[in-house]
C-alpha atoms as a PDB file:
ATOM      1  CA  MET A   1     -81.218  25.703  28.025  1.00  0.00           C
ATOM      2  CA  SER A   2     -78.298  24.124  30.447  1.00  0.00           C
ATOM      3  CA  ALA A   3     -78.156  24.547  34.037  1.00  0.00           C
ATOM      4  CA  ALA A   4     -74.993  26.250  33.567  1.00  0.00           C
ATOM      5  CA  ASP A   5     -76.204  28.926  31.651  1.00  0.00           C
ATOM      6  CA  VAL A   6     -79.201  29.367  34.374  1.00  0.00           C
ATOM      7  CA  ALA A   7     -76.308  29.400  37.117  1.00  0.00           C
ATOM      8  CA  ALA A   8     -74.481  31.622  35.469  1.00  0.00           C
ATOM      9  CA  ILE A   9     -77.355  34.324  34.941  1.00  0.00           C
ATOM     10  CA  GLU A  10     -78.197  33.988  38.529  1.00  0.00           C
ATOM     11  CA  ARG A  11     -74.587  34.793  39.529  1.00  0.00           C
ATOM     12  CA  LEU A  12     -74.630  37.896  37.312  1.00  0.00           C
ATOM     13  CA  LYS A  13     -77.887  39.101  39.128  1.00  0.00           C
ATOM     14  CA  HIS A  14     -76.120  38.611  42.153  1.00  0.00           C
ATOM     15  CA  GLN A  15     -72.994  40.428  41.293  1.00  0.00           C
ATOM     16  CA  TYR A  16     -75.328  43.155  39.994  1.00  0.00           C
ATOM     17  CA  CYS A  17     -76.617  43.541  43.709  1.00  0.00           C
ATOM     18  CA  TYR A  18     -73.710  43.307  45.398  1.00  0.00           C
ATOM     19  CA  ARG A  19     -71.768  46.035  43.301  1.00  0.00           C
ATOM     20  CA  ILE A  20     -74.620  48.435  43.429  1.00  0.00           C
ATOM     21  CA  ASP A  21     -74.752  48.144  47.363  1.00  0.00           C
ATOM     22  CA  ASP A  22     -70.917  48.264  47.503  1.00  0.00           C
ATOM     23  CA  GLY A  23     -71.063  51.777  45.400  1.00  0.00           C
ATOM     24  CA  ASP A  24     -68.736  49.980  43.215  1.00  0.00           C
ATOM     25  CA  TYR A  25     -70.795  51.784  39.980  1.00  0.00           C
ATOM     26  CA  ALA A  26     -67.865  51.254  37.135  1.00  0.00           C
ATOM     27  CA  GLU A  27     -67.866  47.766  37.791  1.00  0.00           C
ATOM     28  CA  TRP A  28     -71.710  47.323  37.930  1.00  0.00           C
ATOM     29  CA  ALA A  29     -72.066  48.858  34.511  1.00  0.00           C
ATOM     30  CA  THR A  30     -69.498  46.087  33.350  1.00  0.00           C
ATOM     31  CA  LEU A  31     -72.328  43.676  33.901  1.00  0.00           C
ATOM     32  CA  PHE A  32     -74.300  45.328  31.290  1.00  0.00           C
ATOM     33  CA  THR A  33     -73.519  45.006  27.531  1.00  0.00           C
ATOM     34  CA  GLU A  34     -72.354  47.977  25.785  1.00  0.00           C
ATOM     35  CA  ASP A  35     -75.518  49.305  25.313  1.00  0.00           C
ATOM     36  CA  GLY A  36     -77.377  47.777  28.162  1.00  0.00           C
ATOM     37  CA  ARG A  37     -80.552  49.760  29.500  1.00  0.00           C
ATOM     38  CA  PHE A  38     -81.841  50.242  32.713  1.00  0.00           C
ATOM     39  CA  VAL A  39     -85.529  51.352  32.867  1.00  0.00           C
ATOM     40  CA  MET A  40     -87.704  52.739  35.806  1.00  0.00           C
ATOM     41  CA  ASP A  41     -91.388  52.067  36.084  1.00  0.00           C
ATOM     42  CA  ASP A  42     -91.709  55.610  35.546  1.00  0.00           C
ATOM     43  CA  GLY A  43     -89.885  55.444  32.119  1.00  0.00           C
ATOM     44  CA  THR A  44     -86.834  56.929  33.303  1.00  0.00           C
ATOM     45  CA  THR A  45     -83.958  55.189  31.093  1.00  0.00           C
ATOM     46  CA  TYR A  46     -80.444  54.785  31.784  1.00  0.00           C
ATOM     47  CA  GLU A  47     -78.391  53.503  28.405  1.00  0.00           C
ATOM     48  CA  GLY A  48     -74.908  52.739  27.805  1.00  0.00           C
ATOM     49  CA  ARG A  49     -72.306  51.667  30.513  1.00  0.00           C
ATOM     50  CA  ASP A  50     -71.463  55.679  30.827  1.00  0.00           C
ATOM     51  CA  GLU A  51     -74.902  56.717  31.830  1.00  0.00           C
ATOM     52  CA  LEU A  52     -75.411  53.524  34.077  1.00  0.00           C
ATOM     53  CA  GLU A  53     -72.575  54.359  36.144  1.00  0.00           C
ATOM     54  CA  ALA A  54     -73.520  57.885  35.988  1.00  0.00           C
ATOM     55  CA  PHE A  55     -77.073  56.911  37.459  1.00  0.00           C
ATOM     56  CA  GLY A  56     -75.003  54.942  40.387  1.00  0.00           C
ATOM     57  CA  ALA A  57     -73.046  58.208  41.396  1.00  0.00           C
ATOM     58  CA  ASP A  58     -75.243  60.933  40.645  1.00  0.00           C
ATOM     59  CA  VAL A  59     -78.685  59.473  41.336  1.00  0.00           C
ATOM     60  CA  PHE A  60     -78.625  56.458  43.436  1.00  0.00           C
ATOM     61  CA  ASP A  61     -76.030  57.497  46.004  1.00  0.00           C
ATOM     62  CA  ASP A  62     -78.182  60.853  46.641  1.00  0.00           C
ATOM     63  CA  VAL A  63     -81.143  58.607  47.556  1.00  0.00           C
ATOM     64  CA  TYR A  64     -79.358  56.040  49.840  1.00  0.00           C
ATOM     65  CA  ASP A  65     -76.250  56.019  52.105  1.00  0.00           C
ATOM     66  CA  GLU A  66     -76.814  52.160  52.438  1.00  0.00           C
ATOM     67  CA  THR A  67     -78.409  49.395  50.641  1.00  0.00           C
ATOM     68  CA  ALA A  68     -78.906  45.739  50.492  1.00  0.00           C
ATOM     69  CA  HIS A  69     -80.652  44.115  47.257  1.00  0.00           C
ATOM     70  CA  VAL A  70     -82.420  40.638  48.093  1.00  0.00           C
ATOM     71  CA  VAL A  71     -83.502  39.056  44.869  1.00  0.00           C
ATOM     72  CA  THR A  72     -85.597  35.929  45.185  1.00  0.00           C
ATOM     73  CA  ASN A  73     -87.961  33.631  43.197  1.00  0.00           C
ATOM     74  CA  ALA A  74     -85.550  33.529  40.153  1.00  0.00           C
ATOM     75  CA  VAL A  75     -87.202  32.480  36.993  1.00  0.00           C
ATOM     76  CA  VAL A  76     -84.698  32.199  34.219  1.00  0.00           C
ATOM     77  CA  ASP A  77     -85.339  31.157  30.587  1.00  0.00           C
ATOM     78  CA  VAL A  78     -82.554  30.555  28.038  1.00  0.00           C
ATOM     79  CA  ASP A  79     -82.699  30.420  24.312  1.00  0.00           C
ATOM     80  CA  GLY A  80     -79.306  30.100  22.732  1.00  0.00           C
ATOM     81  CA  ASP A  81     -77.521  33.089  23.295  1.00  0.00           C
ATOM     82  CA  THR A  82     -80.244  35.260  24.742  1.00  0.00           C
ATOM     83  CA  ALA A  83     -82.107  34.869  28.029  1.00  0.00           C
ATOM     84  CA  THR A  84     -85.021  36.466  30.289  1.00  0.00           C
ATOM     85  CA  GLY A  85     -85.205  36.575  34.221  1.00  0.00           C
ATOM     86  CA  ARG A  86     -87.477  37.387  36.630  1.00  0.00           C
ATOM     87  CA  TRP A  87     -87.288  38.325  40.358  1.00  0.00           C
ATOM     88  CA  TYR A  88     -88.498  39.520  43.287  1.00  0.00           C
ATOM     89  CA  LEU A  89     -86.377  42.479  45.003  1.00  0.00           C
ATOM     90  CA  GLU A  90     -86.618  43.382  48.585  1.00  0.00           C
ATOM     91  CA  LEU A  91     -84.377  46.818  48.998  1.00  0.00           C
ATOM     92  CA  TYR A  92     -83.294  47.538  52.518  1.00  0.00           C
ATOM     93  CA  HIS A  93     -82.077  50.972  52.706  1.00  0.00           C
ATOM     94  CA  GLU A  94     -81.067  53.803  54.612  1.00  0.00           C
ATOM     95  CA  THR A  95     -81.552  57.558  53.287  1.00  0.00           C
ATOM     96  CA  PRO A  96     -79.060  60.090  54.141  1.00  0.00           C
ATOM     97  CA  ASP A  97     -81.413  61.809  56.791  1.00  0.00           C
ATOM     98  CA  GLY A  98     -81.341  58.159  58.612  1.00  0.00           C
ATOM     99  CA  GLU A  99     -84.498  57.105  57.576  1.00  0.00           C
ATOM    100  CA  ARG A 100     -84.648  53.247  57.264  1.00  0.00           C
ATOM    101  CA  GLY A 101     -87.130  51.279  55.265  1.00  0.00           C
ATOM    102  CA  VAL A 102     -87.883  48.164  52.767  1.00  0.00           C
ATOM    103  CA  GLN A 103     -89.242  48.900  49.241  1.00  0.00           C
ATOM    104  CA  GLN A 104     -90.626  45.809  47.172  1.00  0.00           C
ATOM    105  CA  ALA A 105     -90.044  45.542  43.164  1.00  0.00           C
ATOM    106  CA  THR A 106     -89.910  43.121  40.172  1.00  0.00           C
ATOM    107  CA  TYR A 107     -87.274  43.067  37.872  1.00  0.00           C
ATOM    108  CA  ARG A 108     -87.729  41.913  34.525  1.00  0.00           C
ATOM    109  CA  ASP A 109     -84.544  41.411  32.770  1.00  0.00           C
ATOM    110  CA  SER A 110     -83.096  40.232  29.334  1.00  0.00           C
ATOM    111  CA  PHE A 111     -79.598  38.872  28.895  1.00  0.00           C
ATOM    112  CA  GLU A 112     -77.044  38.406  25.909  1.00  0.00           C
ATOM    113  CA  ARG A 113     -73.918  36.277  25.776  1.00  0.00           C
ATOM    114  CA  VAL A 114     -71.480  38.563  24.581  1.00  0.00           C
ATOM    115  CA  ASP A 115     -67.980  36.968  23.700  1.00  0.00           C
ATOM    116  CA  GLY A 116     -68.947  33.674  26.030  1.00  0.00           C
ATOM    117  CA  GLU A 117     -69.795  35.686  28.826  1.00  0.00           C
ATOM    118  CA  TRP A 118     -73.577  36.200  29.881  1.00  0.00           C
ATOM    119  CA  ARG A 119     -74.353  40.145  30.386  1.00  0.00           C
ATOM    120  CA  ILE A 120     -77.497  42.254  31.196  1.00  0.00           C
ATOM    121  CA  ALA A 121     -79.126  43.671  28.086  1.00  0.00           C
ATOM    122  CA  ASP A 122     -82.161  45.242  29.818  1.00  0.00           C
ATOM    123  CA  VAL A 123     -83.283  45.869  33.242  1.00  0.00           C
ATOM    124  CA  ASP A 124     -86.925  46.680  33.753  1.00  0.00           C
ATOM    125  CA  LEU A 125     -87.675  47.658  37.429  1.00  0.00           C
ATOM    126  CA  THR A 126     -91.195  47.905  38.745  1.00  0.00           C
ATOM    127  CA  TYR A 127     -91.808  49.047  42.360  1.00  0.00           C
ATOM    128  CA  GLY A 128     -94.646  47.392  44.520  1.00  0.00           C
ATOM    129  CA  VAL A 129     -95.915  43.602  44.163  1.00  0.00           C
ATOM    130  CA  GLY A 130     -95.630  43.566  40.152  1.00  0.00           C
ATOM    131  CA  LEU A 131     -98.696  41.823  39.822  1.00  0.00           C
END
């Protein structure tokens, strides 16, 4: 496990946060592998870049007007061309009706190196303290 790989994966996760907060769902989806998955804690799953981009545009945009994803307490483990990561999420948000709030969640992710670049293979999101 190299420090460079860990740093690249942490940067990838930060790009994930900025791109979804910016509403740049097409670019957000490119951070995933071609068959990447995003799994909500209720079991709802979006798979593949087209579904991921549609999730942003059709679901995420309907729920939130503004968001700021803040990820902390990164634990990244690399094994060759695969890796796992775990983060706490604080999601600051404003809804279309003007309500503001903060949600807490835990990300448990897997990553794959594809053509020399780290990509997200799976995102597993659990709301609450994630204990």
